[in-house]
Amino acid sequence: MLQRGNIFIYFQAVRRFMSDQSNYIRELQIIVNKLMPIFSNKESGLSGDMVDLLFGNVKDILLFELIFQNDLEEAKEMIREDSTFHVGVVFEEKALVNNSLCVDTTA
């Protein structure tokens, strides 16, 4: 359980993390929705294999991040008895299920 003095710092850190997470998702969406179509265009001169190599599994990463953000928001809504939001639980759940995103796609 967090001490009262540390709760404020904890909530600040969580708020900052969730803000950074939202910014990261916006940037991934720009890549998927704006850049990938430009490079996938025949006029770009890149083959489909080159585009796949360039962008790897960015769509899978975006999907993971959207689900992760949703899970964080849900966990935030279910604040525990000690009035703290335990972001670590969401990390633990995702770590068990989603380490497939950390695969070398160039091999």
PDB file of N, CA and C in Angstrom:
ATOM      1  N   MET A   1       0.834  -1.170   0.000  1.00  0.00           N
ATOM      2  CA  MET A   1       0.000   0.000   0.000  1.00  0.00           C
ATOM      3  C   MET A   1       0.890   1.249   0.000  1.00  0.00           C
ATOM      4  N   LEU A   2       0.508   2.225  -0.781  1.00  0.00           N
ATOM      5  CA  LEU A   2       1.293   3.447  -0.891  1.00  0.00           C
ATOM      6  C   LEU A   2       1.044   4.371   0.288  1.00  0.00           C
ATOM      7  N   GLN A   3       2.097   5.054   0.724  1.00  0.00           N
ATOM      8  CA  GLN A   3       1.973   6.073   1.756  1.00  0.00           C
ATOM      9  C   GLN A   3       1.272   7.293   1.162  1.00  0.00           C
ATOM     10  N   ARG A   4       0.591   8.051   1.989  1.00  0.00           N
ATOM     11  CA  ARG A   4      -0.152   9.215   1.495  1.00  0.00           C
ATOM     12  C   ARG A   4       0.716  10.177   0.702  1.00  0.00           C
ATOM     13  N   GLY A   5       1.925  10.420   1.162  1.00  0.00           N
ATOM     14  CA  GLY A   5       2.818  11.347   0.460  1.00  0.00           C
ATOM     15  C   GLY A   5       3.211  10.847  -0.918  1.00  0.00           C
ATOM     16  N   ASN A   6       3.252   9.530  -1.073  1.00  0.00           N
ATOM     17  CA  ASN A   6       3.650   8.954  -2.355  1.00  0.00           C
ATOM     18  C   ASN A   6       2.488   8.805  -3.333  1.00  0.00           C
ATOM     19  N   ILE A   7       1.262   8.857  -2.840  1.00  0.00           N
ATOM     20  CA  ILE A   7       0.103   8.670  -3.714  1.00  0.00           C
ATOM     21  C   ILE A   7       0.051   9.758  -4.780  1.00  0.00           C
ATOM     22  N   PHE A   8       0.310  10.993  -4.392  1.00  0.00           N
ATOM     23  CA  PHE A   8       0.295  12.103  -5.345  1.00  0.00           C
ATOM     24  C   PHE A   8       1.331  11.881  -6.443  1.00  0.00           C
ATOM     25  N   ILE A   9       2.530  11.490  -6.060  1.00  0.00           N
ATOM     26  CA  ILE A   9       3.595  11.238  -7.029  1.00  0.00           C
ATOM     27  C   ILE A   9       3.219  10.074  -7.935  1.00  0.00           C
ATOM     28  N   TYR A  10       2.629   9.041  -7.352  1.00  0.00           N
ATOM     29  CA  TYR A  10       2.206   7.871  -8.116  1.00  0.00           C
ATOM     30  C   TYR A  10       1.178   8.270  -9.174  1.00  0.00           C
ATOM     31  N   PHE A  11       0.159   9.035  -8.770  1.00  0.00           N
ATOM     32  CA  PHE A  11      -0.871   9.448  -9.718  1.00  0.00           C
ATOM     33  C   PHE A  11      -0.308  10.362 -10.800  1.00  0.00           C
ATOM     34  N   GLN A  12       0.642  11.212 -10.455  1.00  0.00           N
ATOM     35  CA  GLN A  12       1.292  12.051 -11.459  1.00  0.00           C
ATOM     36  C   GLN A  12       2.016  11.190 -12.489  1.00  0.00           C
ATOM     37  N   ALA A  13       2.742  10.196 -12.008  1.00  0.00           N
ATOM     38  CA  ALA A  13       3.485   9.314 -12.913  1.00  0.00           C
ATOM     39  C   ALA A  13       2.544   8.529 -13.817  1.00  0.00           C
ATOM     40  N   VAL A  14       1.448   8.036 -13.266  1.00  0.00           N
ATOM     41  CA  VAL A  14       0.475   7.279 -14.054  1.00  0.00           C
ATOM     42  C   VAL A  14      -0.174   8.193 -15.090  1.00  0.00           C
ATOM     43  N   ARG A  15      -0.548   9.392 -14.677  1.00  0.00           N
ATOM     44  CA  ARG A  15      -1.160  10.353 -15.600  1.00  0.00           C
ATOM     45  C   ARG A  15      -0.201  10.676 -16.747  1.00  0.00           C
ATOM     46  N   ARG A  16       1.072  10.877 -16.423  1.00  0.00           N
ATOM     47  CA  ARG A  16       2.077  11.176 -17.446  1.00  0.00           C
ATOM     48  C   ARG A  16       2.257   9.983 -18.387  1.00  0.00           C
ATOM     49  N   PHE A  17       2.304   8.781 -17.819  1.00  0.00           N
ATOM     50  CA  PHE A  17       2.456   7.584 -18.632  1.00  0.00           C
ATOM     51  C   PHE A  17       1.286   7.448 -19.610  1.00  0.00           C
ATOM     52  N   MET A  18       0.069   7.663 -19.120  1.00  0.00           N
ATOM     53  CA  MET A  18      -1.108   7.508 -19.975  1.00  0.00           C
ATOM     54  C   MET A  18      -1.141   8.592 -21.058  1.00  0.00           C
ATOM     55  N   SER A  19      -0.664   9.772 -20.753  1.00  0.00           N
ATOM     56  CA  SER A  19      -0.563  10.829 -21.752  1.00  0.00           C
ATOM     57  C   SER A  19       0.457  10.452 -22.828  1.00  0.00           C
ATOM     58  N   ASP A  20       1.608   9.958 -22.404  1.00  0.00           N
ATOM     59  CA  ASP A  20       2.632   9.501 -23.351  1.00  0.00           C
ATOM     60  C   ASP A  20       2.106   8.360 -24.205  1.00  0.00           C
ATOM     61  N   GLN A  21       1.345   7.470 -23.601  1.00  0.00           N
ATOM     62  CA  GLN A  21       0.760   6.335 -24.308  1.00  0.00           C
ATOM     63  C   GLN A  21      -0.189   6.833 -25.410  1.00  0.00           C
ATOM     64  N   SER A  22      -1.007   7.822 -25.093  1.00  0.00           N
ATOM     65  CA  SER A  22      -1.928   8.394 -26.086  1.00  0.00           C
ATOM     66  C   SER A  22      -1.161   9.042 -27.237  1.00  0.00           C
ATOM     67  N   ASN A  23      -0.092   9.754 -26.923  1.00  0.00           N
ATOM     68  CA  ASN A  23       0.737  10.363 -27.970  1.00  0.00           C
ATOM     69  C   ASN A  23       1.371   9.304 -28.857  1.00  0.00           C
ATOM     70  N   TYR A  24       1.852   8.240 -28.263  1.00  0.00           N
ATOM     71  CA  TYR A  24       2.471   7.140 -29.015  1.00  0.00           C
ATOM     72  C   TYR A  24       1.451   6.515 -29.966  1.00  0.00           C
ATOM     73  N   ILE A  25       0.238   6.312 -29.496  1.00  0.00           N
ATOM     74  CA  ILE A  25      -0.810   5.728 -30.335  1.00  0.00           C
ATOM     75  C   ILE A  25      -1.129   6.663 -31.502  1.00  0.00           C
ATOM     76  N   ARG A  26      -1.200   7.957 -31.243  1.00  0.00           N
ATOM     77  CA  ARG A  26      -1.447   8.912 -32.332  1.00  0.00           C
ATOM     78  C   ARG A  26      -0.352   8.829 -33.399  1.00  0.00           C
ATOM     79  N   GLU A  27       0.886   8.709 -32.955  1.00  0.00           N
ATOM     80  CA  GLU A  27       1.998   8.616 -33.904  1.00  0.00           C
ATOM     81  C   GLU A  27       1.945   7.314 -34.697  1.00  0.00           C
ATOM     82  N   LEU A  28       1.599   6.216 -34.050  1.00  0.00           N
ATOM     83  CA  LEU A  28       1.436   4.952 -34.772  1.00  0.00           C
ATOM     84  C   LEU A  28       0.307   5.041 -35.789  1.00  0.00           C
ATOM     85  N   GLN A  29      -0.776   5.712 -35.421  1.00  0.00           N
ATOM     86  CA  GLN A  29      -1.899   5.871 -36.350  1.00  0.00           C
ATOM     87  C   GLN A  29      -1.494   6.694 -37.570  1.00  0.00           C
ATOM     88  N   ILE A  30      -0.648   7.684 -37.386  1.00  0.00           N
ATOM     89  CA  ILE A  30      -0.148   8.468 -38.520  1.00  0.00           C
ATOM     90  C   ILE A  30       0.667   7.579 -39.445  1.00  0.00           C
ATOM     91  N   ILE A  31       1.514   6.749 -38.869  1.00  0.00           N
ATOM     92  CA  ILE A  31       2.317   5.835 -39.682  1.00  0.00           C
ATOM     93  C   ILE A  31       1.422   4.904 -40.484  1.00  0.00           C
ATOM     94  N   VAL A  32       0.454   4.277 -39.808  1.00  0.00           N
ATOM     95  CA  VAL A  32      -0.414   3.296 -40.466  1.00  0.00           C
ATOM     96  C   VAL A  32      -1.345   3.952 -41.481  1.00  0.00           C
ATOM     97  N   ASN A  33      -1.926   5.080 -41.123  1.00  0.00           N
ATOM     98  CA  ASN A  33      -2.960   5.680 -41.980  1.00  0.00           C
ATOM     99  C   ASN A  33      -2.435   6.649 -43.034  1.00  0.00           C
ATOM    100  N   LYS A  34      -1.252   7.208 -42.807  1.00  0.00           N
ATOM    101  CA  LYS A  34      -0.724   8.198 -43.756  1.00  0.00           C
ATOM    102  C   LYS A  34       0.526   7.720 -44.495  1.00  0.00           C
ATOM    103  N   LEU A  35       1.527   7.264 -43.739  1.00  0.00           N
ATOM    104  CA  LEU A  35       2.800   6.897 -44.368  1.00  0.00           C
ATOM    105  C   LEU A  35       2.755   5.568 -45.116  1.00  0.00           C
ATOM    106  N   MET A  36       2.171   4.562 -44.499  1.00  0.00           N
ATOM    107  CA  MET A  36       2.139   3.251 -45.156  1.00  0.00           C
ATOM    108  C   MET A  36       1.445   3.296 -46.519  1.00  0.00           C
ATOM    109  N   PRO A  37       0.305   3.978 -46.655  1.00  0.00           N
ATOM    110  CA  PRO A  37      -0.308   4.045 -47.987  1.00  0.00           C
ATOM    111  C   PRO A  37       0.575   4.747 -49.018  1.00  0.00           C
ATOM    112  N   ILE A  38       1.314   5.761 -48.601  1.00  0.00           N
ATOM    113  CA  ILE A  38       2.206   6.459 -49.528  1.00  0.00           C
ATOM    114  C   ILE A  38       3.290   5.516 -50.034  1.00  0.00           C
ATOM    115  N   PHE A  39       3.900   4.775 -49.129  1.00  0.00           N
ATOM    116  CA  PHE A  39       4.976   3.870 -49.517  1.00  0.00           C
ATOM    117  C   PHE A  39       4.459   2.616 -50.212  1.00  0.00           C
ATOM    118  N   SER A  40       3.205   2.259 -49.981  1.00  0.00           N
ATOM    119  CA  SER A  40       2.628   1.081 -50.625  1.00  0.00           C
ATOM    120  C   SER A  40       2.195   1.381 -52.060  1.00  0.00           C
ATOM    121  N   ASN A  41       2.099   2.638 -52.410  1.00  0.00           N
ATOM    122  CA  ASN A  41       1.721   3.058 -53.747  1.00  0.00           C
ATOM    123  C   ASN A  41       2.786   2.597 -54.749  1.00  0.00           C
ATOM    124  N   LYS A  42       2.374   2.113 -55.902  1.00  0.00           N
ATOM    125  CA  LYS A  42       3.312   1.645 -56.929  1.00  0.00           C
ATOM    126  C   LYS A  42       4.302   2.726 -57.346  1.00  0.00           C
ATOM    127  N   GLU A  43       3.852   3.980 -57.289  1.00  0.00           N
ATOM    128  CA  GLU A  43       4.712   5.098 -57.690  1.00  0.00           C
ATOM    129  C   GLU A  43       5.881   5.320 -56.734  1.00  0.00           C
ATOM    130  N   SER A  44       5.818   4.738 -55.542  1.00  0.00           N
ATOM    131  CA  SER A  44       6.903   4.926 -54.579  1.00  0.00           C
ATOM    132  C   SER A  44       8.158   4.187 -55.011  1.00  0.00           C
ATOM    133  N   GLY A  45       7.989   3.189 -55.866  1.00  0.00           N
ATOM    134  CA  GLY A  45       9.139   2.416 -56.331  1.00  0.00           C
ATOM    135  C   GLY A  45       9.551   1.298 -55.392  1.00  0.00           C
ATOM    136  N   LEU A  46       8.818   1.126 -54.305  1.00  0.00           N
ATOM    137  CA  LEU A  46       9.134   0.057 -53.355  1.00  0.00           C
ATOM    138  C   LEU A  46       8.251  -1.151 -53.627  1.00  0.00           C
ATOM    139  N   SER A  47       8.852  -2.314 -53.532  1.00  0.00           N
ATOM    140  CA  SER A  47       8.074  -3.546 -53.680  1.00  0.00           C
ATOM    141  C   SER A  47       7.294  -3.803 -52.396  1.00  0.00           C
ATOM    142  N   GLY A  48       6.313  -4.687 -52.471  1.00  0.00           N
ATOM    143  CA  GLY A  48       5.542  -5.058 -51.284  1.00  0.00           C
ATOM    144  C   GLY A  48       6.431  -5.609 -50.193  1.00  0.00           C
ATOM    145  N   ASP A  49       7.454  -6.389 -50.585  1.00  0.00           N
ATOM    146  CA  ASP A  49       8.396  -6.943 -49.601  1.00  0.00           C
ATOM    147  C   ASP A  49       9.193  -5.843 -48.910  1.00  0.00           C
ATOM    148  N   MET A  50       9.567  -4.822 -49.673  1.00  0.00           N
ATOM    149  CA  MET A  50      10.319  -3.712 -49.084  1.00  0.00           C
ATOM    150  C   MET A  50       9.441  -2.930 -48.099  1.00  0.00           C
ATOM    151  N   VAL A  51       8.177  -2.727 -48.450  1.00  0.00           N
ATOM    152  CA  VAL A  51       7.255  -2.020 -47.561  1.00  0.00           C
ATOM    153  C   VAL A  51       7.056  -2.833 -46.291  1.00  0.00           C
ATOM    154  N   ASP A  52       6.895  -4.155 -46.442  1.00  0.00           N
ATOM    155  CA  ASP A  52       6.755  -5.025 -45.262  1.00  0.00           C
ATOM    156  C   ASP A  52       7.994  -4.963 -44.386  1.00  0.00           C
ATOM    157  N   LEU A  53       9.160  -4.947 -45.004  1.00  0.00           N
ATOM    158  CA  LEU A  53      10.404  -4.872 -44.249  1.00  0.00           C
ATOM    159  C   LEU A  53      10.522  -3.521 -43.536  1.00  0.00           C
ATOM    160  N   LEU A  54      10.120  -2.464 -44.228  1.00  0.00           N
ATOM    161  CA  LEU A  54      10.216  -1.117 -43.674  1.00  0.00           C
ATOM    162  C   LEU A  54       9.289  -0.921 -42.476  1.00  0.00           C
ATOM    163  N   PHE A  55       8.062  -1.408 -42.584  1.00  0.00           N
ATOM    164  CA  PHE A  55       7.071  -1.161 -41.535  1.00  0.00           C
ATOM    165  C   PHE A  55       6.859  -2.346 -40.601  1.00  0.00           C
ATOM    166  N   GLY A  56       7.390  -3.508 -40.933  1.00  0.00           N
ATOM    167  CA  GLY A  56       7.308  -4.668 -40.049  1.00  0.00           C
ATOM    168  C   GLY A  56       5.900  -4.930 -39.557  1.00  0.00           C
ATOM    169  N   ASN A  57       5.767  -5.085 -38.267  1.00  0.00           N
ATOM    170  CA  ASN A  57       4.467  -5.414 -37.673  1.00  0.00           C
ATOM    171  C   ASN A  57       3.837  -4.206 -36.973  1.00  0.00           C
ATOM    172  N   VAL A  58       3.994  -3.038 -37.584  1.00  0.00           N
ATOM    173  CA  VAL A  58       3.500  -1.807 -36.950  1.00  0.00           C
ATOM    174  C   VAL A  58       1.980  -1.845 -36.745  1.00  0.00           C
ATOM    175  N   LYS A  59       1.248  -2.504 -37.643  1.00  0.00           N
ATOM    176  CA  LYS A  59      -0.209  -2.603 -37.462  1.00  0.00           C
ATOM    177  C   LYS A  59      -0.539  -3.451 -36.235  1.00  0.00           C
ATOM    178  N   ASP A  60       0.215  -4.524 -36.032  1.00  0.00           N
ATOM    179  CA  ASP A  60       0.015  -5.365 -34.844  1.00  0.00           C
ATOM    180  C   ASP A  60       0.358  -4.600 -33.570  1.00  0.00           C
ATOM    181  N   ILE A  61       1.406  -3.808 -33.644  1.00  0.00           N
ATOM    182  CA  ILE A  61       1.806  -3.009 -32.481  1.00  0.00           C
ATOM    183  C   ILE A  61       0.723  -1.978 -32.160  1.00  0.00           C
ATOM    184  N   LEU A  62       0.180  -1.339 -33.192  1.00  0.00           N
ATOM    185  CA  LEU A  62      -0.891  -0.370 -32.971  1.00  0.00           C
ATOM    186  C   LEU A  62      -2.099  -1.038 -32.325  1.00  0.00           C
ATOM    187  N   LEU A  63      -2.489  -2.194 -32.828  1.00  0.00           N
ATOM    188  CA  LEU A  63      -3.624  -2.908 -32.244  1.00  0.00           C
ATOM    189  C   LEU A  63      -3.359  -3.248 -30.781  1.00  0.00           C
ATOM    190  N   PHE A  64      -2.155  -3.741 -30.492  1.00  0.00           N
ATOM    191  CA  PHE A  64      -1.783  -4.051 -29.113  1.00  0.00           C
ATOM    192  C   PHE A  64      -1.883  -2.813 -28.234  1.00  0.00           C
ATOM    193  N   GLU A  65      -1.353  -1.697 -28.706  1.00  0.00           N
ATOM    194  CA  GLU A  65      -1.343  -0.462 -27.918  1.00  0.00           C
ATOM    195  C   GLU A  65      -2.757   0.055 -27.664  1.00  0.00           C
ATOM    196  N   LEU A  66      -3.644  -0.075 -28.649  1.00  0.00           N
ATOM    197  CA  LEU A  66      -5.033   0.345 -28.463  1.00  0.00           C
ATOM    198  C   LEU A  66      -5.718  -0.503 -27.389  1.00  0.00           C
ATOM    199  N   ILE A  67      -5.493  -1.805 -27.438  1.00  0.00           N
ATOM    200  CA  ILE A  67      -6.065  -2.703 -26.432  1.00  0.00           C
ATOM    201  C   ILE A  67      -5.462  -2.406 -25.063  1.00  0.00           C
ATOM    202  N   PHE A  68      -4.153  -2.195 -25.035  1.00  0.00           N
ATOM    203  CA  PHE A  68      -3.445  -1.889 -23.792  1.00  0.00           C
ATOM    204  C   PHE A  68      -3.992  -0.604 -23.172  1.00  0.00           C
ATOM    205  N   GLN A  69      -4.174   0.427 -23.992  1.00  0.00           N
ATOM    206  CA  GLN A  69      -4.709   1.694 -23.490  1.00  0.00           C
ATOM    207  C   GLN A  69      -6.124   1.499 -22.940  1.00  0.00           C
ATOM    208  N   ASN A  70      -6.926   0.734 -23.632  1.00  0.00           N
ATOM    209  CA  ASN A  70      -8.282   0.456 -23.163  1.00  0.00           C
ATOM    210  C   ASN A  70      -8.248  -0.267 -21.818  1.00  0.00           C
ATOM    211  N   ASP A  71      -7.355  -1.242 -21.685  1.00  0.00           N
ATOM    212  CA  ASP A  71      -7.225  -1.965 -20.420  1.00  0.00           C
ATOM    213  C   ASP A  71      -6.784  -1.048 -19.284  1.00  0.00           C
ATOM    214  N   LEU A  72      -5.885  -0.117 -19.593  1.00  0.00           N
ATOM    215  CA  LEU A  72      -5.456   0.857 -18.584  1.00  0.00           C
ATOM    216  C   LEU A  72      -6.622   1.734 -18.142  1.00  0.00           C
ATOM    217  N   GLU A  73      -7.416   2.177 -19.105  1.00  0.00           N
ATOM    218  CA  GLU A  73      -8.580   3.006 -18.779  1.00  0.00           C
ATOM    219  C   GLU A  73      -9.576   2.230 -17.921  1.00  0.00           C
ATOM    220  N   GLU A  74      -9.792   0.957 -18.257  1.00  0.00           N
ATOM    221  CA  GLU A  74     -10.708   0.141 -17.464  1.00  0.00           C
ATOM    222  C   GLU A  74     -10.177  -0.063 -16.048  1.00  0.00           C
ATOM    223  N   ALA A  75      -8.874  -0.295 -15.930  1.00  0.00           N
ATOM    224  CA  ALA A  75      -8.274  -0.476 -14.608  1.00  0.00           C
ATOM    225  C   ALA A  75      -8.371   0.811 -13.798  1.00  0.00           C
ATOM    226  N   LYS A  76      -8.248   1.930 -14.481  1.00  0.00           N
ATOM    227  CA  LYS A  76      -8.353   3.222 -13.802  1.00  0.00           C
ATOM    228  C   LYS A  76      -9.759   3.407 -13.226  1.00  0.00           C
ATOM    229  N   GLU A  77     -10.752   2.906 -13.923  1.00  0.00           N
ATOM    230  CA  GLU A  77     -12.132   3.016 -13.460  1.00  0.00           C
ATOM    231  C   GLU A  77     -12.404   2.140 -12.237  1.00  0.00           C
ATOM    232  N   MET A  78     -11.660   1.072 -12.118  1.00  0.00           N
ATOM    233  CA  MET A  78     -11.865   0.146 -10.992  1.00  0.00           C
ATOM    234  C   MET A  78     -10.798   0.370  -9.932  1.00  0.00           C
ATOM    235  N   ILE A  79     -10.790   1.557  -9.359  1.00  0.00           N
ATOM    236  CA  ILE A  79      -9.802   1.905  -8.338  1.00  0.00           C
ATOM    237  C   ILE A  79     -10.015   1.003  -7.128  1.00  0.00           C
ATOM    238  N   ARG A  80      -8.930   0.508  -6.629  1.00  0.00           N
ATOM    239  CA  ARG A  80      -8.997  -0.419  -5.502  1.00  0.00           C
ATOM    240  C   ARG A  80      -9.306   0.271  -4.190  1.00  0.00           C
ATOM    241  N   GLU A  81      -9.529  -0.512  -3.178  1.00  0.00           N
ATOM    242  CA  GLU A  81      -9.904  -0.004  -1.852  1.00  0.00           C
ATOM    243  C   GLU A  81      -8.907   1.008  -1.293  1.00  0.00           C
ATOM    244  N   ASP A  82      -7.643   0.835  -1.620  1.00  0.00           N
ATOM    245  CA  ASP A  82      -6.638   1.753  -1.068  1.00  0.00           C
ATOM    246  C   ASP A  82      -6.502   3.031  -1.904  1.00  0.00           C
ATOM    247  N   SER A  83      -7.451   3.259  -2.801  1.00  0.00           N
ATOM    248  CA  SER A  83      -7.527   4.481  -3.620  1.00  0.00           C
ATOM    249  C   SER A  83      -6.338   4.667  -4.549  1.00  0.00           C
ATOM    250  N   THR A  84      -5.721   3.589  -4.971  1.00  0.00           N
ATOM    251  CA  THR A  84      -4.640   3.713  -5.941  1.00  0.00           C
ATOM    252  C   THR A  84      -4.978   2.923  -7.191  1.00  0.00           C
ATOM    253  N   PHE A  85      -4.468   3.398  -8.273  1.00  0.00           N
ATOM    254  CA  PHE A  85      -4.647   2.759  -9.562  1.00  0.00           C
ATOM    255  C   PHE A  85      -3.396   1.928  -9.817  1.00  0.00           C
ATOM    256  N   HIS A  86      -3.551   0.634  -9.885  1.00  0.00           N
ATOM    257  CA  HIS A  86      -2.405  -0.268 -10.005  1.00  0.00           C
ATOM    258  C   HIS A  86      -2.139  -0.609 -11.467  1.00  0.00           C
ATOM    259  N   VAL A  87      -1.328   0.227 -12.093  1.00  0.00           N
ATOM    260  CA  VAL A  87      -0.989   0.049 -13.493  1.00  0.00           C
ATOM    261  C   VAL A  87      -0.188  -1.241 -13.716  1.00  0.00           C
ATOM    262  N   GLY A  88       0.505  -1.688 -12.702  1.00  0.00           N
ATOM    263  CA  GLY A  88       1.330  -2.890 -12.828  1.00  0.00           C
ATOM    264  C   GLY A  88       0.538  -4.132 -13.184  1.00  0.00           C
ATOM    265  N   VAL A  89      -0.685  -4.232 -12.727  1.00  0.00           N
ATOM    266  CA  VAL A  89      -1.521  -5.398 -13.030  1.00  0.00           C
ATOM    267  C   VAL A  89      -1.750  -5.509 -14.533  1.00  0.00           C
ATOM    268  N   VAL A  90      -1.997  -4.384 -15.183  1.00  0.00           N
ATOM    269  CA  VAL A  90      -2.226  -4.389 -16.627  1.00  0.00           C
ATOM    270  C   VAL A  90      -0.948  -4.799 -17.352  1.00  0.00           C
ATOM    271  N   PHE A  91       0.206  -4.311 -16.891  1.00  0.00           N
ATOM    272  CA  PHE A  91       1.479  -4.693 -17.493  1.00  0.00           C
ATOM    273  C   PHE A  91       1.700  -6.198 -17.374  1.00  0.00           C
ATOM    274  N   GLU A  92       1.436  -6.749 -16.214  1.00  0.00           N
ATOM    275  CA  GLU A  92       1.631  -8.181 -16.001  1.00  0.00           C
ATOM    276  C   GLU A  92       0.760  -9.005 -16.936  1.00  0.00           C
ATOM    277  N   GLU A  93      -0.498  -8.628 -17.072  1.00  0.00           N
ATOM    278  CA  GLU A  93      -1.407  -9.361 -17.948  1.00  0.00           C
ATOM    279  C   GLU A  93      -0.933  -9.320 -19.394  1.00  0.00           C
ATOM    280  N   LYS A  94      -0.523  -8.155 -19.863  1.00  0.00           N
ATOM    281  CA  LYS A  94      -0.082  -8.011 -21.251  1.00  0.00           C
ATOM    282  C   LYS A  94       1.246  -8.713 -21.499  1.00  0.00           C
ATOM    283  N   ALA A  95       2.123  -8.723 -20.529  1.00  0.00           N
ATOM    284  CA  ALA A  95       3.421  -9.377 -20.689  1.00  0.00           C
ATOM    285  C   ALA A  95       3.257 -10.879 -20.885  1.00  0.00           C
ATOM    286  N   LEU A  96       2.284 -11.450 -20.235  1.00  0.00           N
ATOM    287  CA  LEU A  96       2.057 -12.885 -20.361  1.00  0.00           C
ATOM    288  C   LEU A  96       1.499 -13.259 -21.719  1.00  0.00           C
ATOM    289  N   VAL A  97       0.748 -12.369 -22.334  1.00  0.00           N
ATOM    290  CA  VAL A  97       0.020 -12.709 -23.547  1.00  0.00           C
ATOM    291  C   VAL A  97       0.701 -12.214 -24.821  1.00  0.00           C
ATOM    292  N   ASN A  98       1.422 -11.112 -24.779  1.00  0.00           N
ATOM    293  CA  ASN A  98       1.802 -10.424 -26.009  1.00  0.00           C
ATOM    294  C   ASN A  98       3.298 -10.316 -26.292  1.00  0.00           C
ATOM    295  N   ASN A  99       4.108 -11.235 -25.867  1.00  0.00           N
ATOM    296  CA  ASN A  99       5.520 -11.133 -26.195  1.00  0.00           C
ATOM    297  C   ASN A  99       5.789 -11.535 -27.645  1.00  0.00           C
ATOM    298  N   SER A 100       4.761 -11.885 -28.401  1.00  0.00           N
ATOM    299  CA  SER A 100       4.923 -12.211 -29.817  1.00  0.00           C
ATOM    300  C   SER A 100       5.250 -10.981 -30.655  1.00  0.00           C
ATOM    301  N   LEU A 101       5.014  -9.780 -30.132  1.00  0.00           N
ATOM    302  CA  LEU A 101       5.321  -8.569 -30.879  1.00  0.00           C
ATOM    303  C   LEU A 101       6.819  -8.273 -30.901  1.00  0.00           C
ATOM    304  N   CYS A 102       7.563  -8.959 -30.088  1.00  0.00           N
ATOM    305  CA  CYS A 102       9.004  -8.726 -29.988  1.00  0.00           C
ATOM    306  C   CYS A 102       9.776  -9.743 -30.818  1.00  0.00           C
ATOM    307  N   VAL A 103       9.330  -9.993 -32.010  1.00  0.00           N
ATOM    308  CA  VAL A 103       9.962 -10.985 -32.858  1.00  0.00           C
ATOM    309  C   VAL A 103      10.726 -10.276 -33.969  1.00  0.00           C
ATOM    310  N   ASP A 104      11.862 -10.838 -34.316  1.00  0.00           N
ATOM    311  CA  ASP A 104      12.657 -10.296 -35.399  1.00  0.00           C
ATOM    312  C   ASP A 104      12.000 -10.706 -36.719  1.00  0.00           C
ATOM    313  N   THR A 105      11.430  -9.745 -37.451  1.00  0.00           N
ATOM    314  CA  THR A 105      10.750 -10.055 -38.702  1.00  0.00           C
ATOM    315  C   THR A 105      11.711 -10.121 -39.872  1.00  0.00           C
ATOM    316  N   THR A 106      12.985  -9.811 -39.669  1.00  0.00           N
ATOM    317  CA  THR A 106      13.946  -9.834 -40.756  1.00  0.00           C
ATOM    318  C   THR A 106      14.582 -11.195 -40.935  1.00  0.00           C
ATOM    319  N   ALA A 107      14.401 -12.073 -39.965  1.00  0.00           N
ATOM    320  CA  ALA A 107      15.048 -13.399 -40.052  1.00  0.00           C
ATOM    321  C   ALA A 107      14.288 -14.335 -40.965  1.00  0.00           C
TER     322      ALA A 107
END
